[in-house]
Amino acid sequence: MQIEERVLLLGLYKKKEDESFNDVIMILEDAGVFTYKEGKRLFKSLKANGFVSEEKLTVVGVQKAQEIEQEFKLQ
């Protein structure tokens, strides 16, 4: 999993209740993590790999996001 994909998954996990997945992609685009188009491609990849369903993370997605969160805290 590439770093941008990991950041996106963590962003989706940490999003506020009133934010959509699309909002998270736009926030990360504004932060310079990736372009909107790249963010949408990464989102589709996360979805294809079973980390994301329509508008929520799957159990596997939550577990992976928690692992990523711990990795970032250690660095």
N, C-alpha and C. Protein backbone atom coordinates (compact mmCIF):
# COMPACT_ATOMS: atom_id res chain seq x y z
N MET A 1 0.85 -1.17 0.00
CA MET A 1 0.00 0.00 0.00
C MET A 1 0.90 1.24 0.00
N GLN A 2 0.71 2.10 -0.98
CA GLN A 2 1.55 3.29 -1.07
C GLN A 2 1.15 4.32 -0.01
N ILE A 3 2.04 5.25 0.26
CA ILE A 3 1.86 6.21 1.35
C ILE A 3 0.59 7.05 1.16
N GLU A 4 0.32 7.48 -0.06
CA GLU A 4 -0.87 8.30 -0.30
C GLU A 4 -2.14 7.52 0.02
N GLU A 5 -2.13 6.24 -0.32
CA GLU A 5 -3.29 5.39 -0.03
C GLU A 5 -3.46 5.22 1.48
N ARG A 6 -2.37 5.10 2.18
CA ARG A 6 -2.41 4.96 3.63
C ARG A 6 -2.93 6.25 4.29
N VAL A 7 -2.46 7.40 3.79
CA VAL A 7 -2.92 8.69 4.32
C VAL A 7 -4.41 8.85 4.05
N LEU A 8 -4.86 8.48 2.86
CA LEU A 8 -6.28 8.58 2.53
C LEU A 8 -7.11 7.69 3.45
N LEU A 9 -6.69 6.45 3.65
CA LEU A 9 -7.44 5.55 4.51
C LEU A 9 -7.50 6.10 5.94
N LEU A 10 -6.40 6.64 6.42
CA LEU A 10 -6.40 7.22 7.76
C LEU A 10 -7.30 8.45 7.82
N GLY A 11 -7.28 9.26 6.76
CA GLY A 11 -8.16 10.43 6.70
C GLY A 11 -9.63 10.03 6.71
N LEU A 12 -9.96 8.98 5.99
CA LEU A 12 -11.34 8.49 5.96
C LEU A 12 -11.75 7.98 7.34
N TYR A 13 -10.82 7.36 8.03
CA TYR A 13 -11.07 6.83 9.37
C TYR A 13 -11.28 7.96 10.38
N LYS A 14 -10.52 9.04 10.24
CA LYS A 14 -10.56 10.14 11.19
C LYS A 14 -11.54 11.26 10.81
N LYS A 15 -12.28 11.08 9.73
CA LYS A 15 -13.17 12.15 9.27
C LYS A 15 -14.24 12.47 10.30
N LYS A 16 -14.73 13.70 10.26
CA LYS A 16 -15.81 14.12 11.14
C LYS A 16 -17.12 13.54 10.64
N GLU A 17 -18.09 13.45 11.52
CA GLU A 17 -19.38 12.85 11.15
C GLU A 17 -20.07 13.57 10.00
N ASP A 18 -19.91 14.89 9.95
CA ASP A 18 -20.60 15.66 8.92
C ASP A 18 -19.82 15.75 7.61
N GLU A 19 -18.67 15.08 7.52
CA GLU A 19 -17.87 15.08 6.30
C GLU A 19 -18.13 13.81 5.50
N SER A 20 -18.14 13.97 4.19
CA SER A 20 -18.27 12.81 3.31
C SER A 20 -16.88 12.34 2.91
N PHE A 21 -16.81 11.18 2.29
CA PHE A 21 -15.52 10.69 1.80
C PHE A 21 -14.96 11.66 0.76
N ASN A 22 -15.84 12.23 -0.03
CA ASN A 22 -15.41 13.19 -1.04
C ASN A 22 -14.79 14.43 -0.39
N ASP A 23 -15.37 14.86 0.74
CA ASP A 23 -14.81 16.00 1.47
C ASP A 23 -13.38 15.71 1.92
N VAL A 24 -13.14 14.48 2.39
CA VAL A 24 -11.81 14.09 2.85
C VAL A 24 -10.83 14.14 1.68
N ILE A 25 -11.24 13.65 0.53
CA ILE A 25 -10.38 13.69 -0.65
C ILE A 25 -10.03 15.14 -0.99
N MET A 26 -11.01 16.04 -0.93
CA MET A 26 -10.76 17.45 -1.24
C MET A 26 -9.85 18.10 -0.20
N ILE A 27 -10.01 17.74 1.07
CA ILE A 27 -9.14 18.28 2.13
C ILE A 27 -7.70 17.85 1.89
N LEU A 28 -7.51 16.58 1.55
CA LEU A 28 -6.15 16.08 1.30
C LEU A 28 -5.57 16.68 0.02
N GLU A 29 -6.43 16.96 -0.95
CA GLU A 29 -5.96 17.64 -2.17
C GLU A 29 -5.47 19.04 -1.80
N ASP A 30 -6.26 19.76 -0.99
CA ASP A 30 -5.86 21.11 -0.57
C ASP A 30 -4.55 21.09 0.22
N ALA A 31 -4.30 20.00 0.93
CA ALA A 31 -3.06 19.87 1.71
C ALA A 31 -1.88 19.47 0.84
N GLY A 32 -2.13 19.17 -0.43
CA GLY A 32 -1.06 18.82 -1.35
C GLY A 32 -0.63 17.36 -1.32
N VAL A 33 -1.47 16.51 -0.74
CA VAL A 33 -1.13 15.08 -0.68
C VAL A 33 -1.22 14.46 -2.06
N PHE A 34 -2.26 14.82 -2.81
CA PHE A 34 -2.46 14.32 -4.17
C PHE A 34 -3.47 15.22 -4.88
N THR A 35 -3.64 15.01 -6.18
CA THR A 35 -4.66 15.74 -6.92
C THR A 35 -6.01 15.09 -6.66
N TYR A 36 -7.07 15.79 -6.98
CA TYR A 36 -8.41 15.24 -6.78
C TYR A 36 -8.59 13.96 -7.59
N LYS A 37 -8.11 13.99 -8.83
CA LYS A 37 -8.23 12.82 -9.70
C LYS A 37 -7.48 11.63 -9.11
N GLU A 38 -6.28 11.86 -8.61
CA GLU A 38 -5.50 10.80 -7.99
C GLU A 38 -6.20 10.29 -6.72
N GLY A 39 -6.78 11.21 -5.95
CA GLY A 39 -7.52 10.83 -4.75
C GLY A 39 -8.70 9.92 -5.07
N LYS A 40 -9.41 10.24 -6.13
CA LYS A 40 -10.55 9.40 -6.54
C LYS A 40 -10.06 8.03 -6.99
N ARG A 41 -8.92 7.98 -7.68
CA ARG A 41 -8.36 6.70 -8.11
C ARG A 41 -7.95 5.86 -6.90
N LEU A 42 -7.32 6.51 -5.92
CA LEU A 42 -6.91 5.81 -4.70
C LEU A 42 -8.13 5.31 -3.93
N PHE A 43 -9.18 6.14 -3.90
CA PHE A 43 -10.41 5.74 -3.22
C PHE A 43 -11.00 4.49 -3.88
N LYS A 44 -11.01 4.48 -5.20
CA LYS A 44 -11.52 3.30 -5.92
C LYS A 44 -10.68 2.07 -5.62
N SER A 45 -9.38 2.26 -5.48
CA SER A 45 -8.49 1.16 -5.14
C SER A 45 -8.81 0.62 -3.74
N LEU A 46 -9.01 1.53 -2.79
CA LEU A 46 -9.37 1.11 -1.43
C LEU A 46 -10.69 0.35 -1.43
N LYS A 47 -11.61 0.83 -2.24
CA LYS A 47 -12.92 0.17 -2.35
C LYS A 47 -12.77 -1.22 -2.96
N ALA A 48 -11.99 -1.33 -4.02
CA ALA A 48 -11.78 -2.61 -4.70
C ALA A 48 -11.07 -3.62 -3.79
N ASN A 49 -10.24 -3.12 -2.88
CA ASN A 49 -9.52 -4.00 -1.97
C ASN A 49 -10.29 -4.30 -0.69
N GLY A 50 -11.52 -3.83 -0.61
CA GLY A 50 -12.39 -4.17 0.51
C GLY A 50 -12.21 -3.35 1.78
N PHE A 51 -11.53 -2.21 1.68
CA PHE A 51 -11.35 -1.35 2.85
C PHE A 51 -12.51 -0.38 3.05
N VAL A 52 -13.23 -0.10 1.97
CA VAL A 52 -14.29 0.91 2.00
C VAL A 52 -15.53 0.37 1.30
N SER A 53 -16.70 0.66 1.89
CA SER A 53 -17.96 0.40 1.19
C SER A 53 -18.47 1.76 0.71
N GLU A 54 -19.73 1.90 0.46
CA GLU A 54 -20.24 3.16 -0.11
C GLU A 54 -19.82 4.39 0.69
N GLU A 55 -20.30 4.57 1.89
CA GLU A 55 -19.94 5.74 2.67
C GLU A 55 -19.46 5.37 4.07
N LYS A 56 -18.83 4.21 4.20
CA LYS A 56 -18.24 3.85 5.48
C LYS A 56 -17.10 2.87 5.28
N LEU A 57 -16.23 2.82 6.27
CA LEU A 57 -15.13 1.86 6.22
C LEU A 57 -15.65 0.49 6.60
N THR A 58 -15.09 -0.53 5.99
CA THR A 58 -15.42 -1.89 6.37
C THR A 58 -14.66 -2.24 7.65
N VAL A 59 -14.94 -3.37 8.23
CA VAL A 59 -14.22 -3.81 9.42
C VAL A 59 -12.73 -3.92 9.11
N VAL A 60 -12.42 -4.47 7.95
CA VAL A 60 -11.01 -4.59 7.53
C VAL A 60 -10.40 -3.20 7.37
N GLY A 61 -11.16 -2.26 6.82
CA GLY A 61 -10.67 -0.89 6.63
C GLY A 61 -10.38 -0.21 7.96
N VAL A 62 -11.25 -0.40 8.93
CA VAL A 62 -11.05 0.19 10.26
C VAL A 62 -9.80 -0.40 10.91
N GLN A 63 -9.64 -1.71 10.82
CA GLN A 63 -8.47 -2.36 11.42
C GLN A 63 -7.18 -1.85 10.78
N LYS A 64 -7.17 -1.76 9.45
CA LYS A 64 -5.98 -1.29 8.74
C LYS A 64 -5.69 0.17 9.09
N ALA A 65 -6.73 0.99 9.18
CA ALA A 65 -6.56 2.41 9.52
C ALA A 65 -5.98 2.54 10.93
N GLN A 66 -6.42 1.70 11.85
CA GLN A 66 -5.88 1.74 13.21
C GLN A 66 -4.41 1.34 13.22
N GLU A 67 -4.04 0.35 12.41
CA GLU A 67 -2.63 -0.05 12.28
C GLU A 67 -1.79 1.11 11.74
N ILE A 68 -2.32 1.77 10.71
CA ILE A 68 -1.61 2.90 10.10
C ILE A 68 -1.45 4.03 11.10
N GLU A 69 -2.50 4.29 11.88
CA GLU A 69 -2.45 5.32 12.89
C GLU A 69 -1.32 5.05 13.90
N GLN A 70 -1.21 3.81 14.31
CA GLN A 70 -0.15 3.43 15.26
C GLN A 70 1.23 3.57 14.62
N GLU A 71 1.35 3.20 13.36
CA GLU A 71 2.64 3.35 12.66
C GLU A 71 3.07 4.81 12.60
N PHE A 72 2.13 5.70 12.28
CA PHE A 72 2.44 7.12 12.19
C PHE A 72 2.79 7.69 13.56
N LYS A 73 2.17 7.18 14.60
CA LYS A 73 2.48 7.66 15.95
C LYS A 73 3.89 7.25 16.36
N LEU A 74 4.36 6.10 15.89
CA LEU A 74 5.68 5.61 16.24
C LEU A 74 6.80 6.36 15.52
N GLN A 75 6.48 6.96 14.38
CA GLN A 75 7.52 7.60 13.58
C GLN A 75 7.83 8.97 14.05
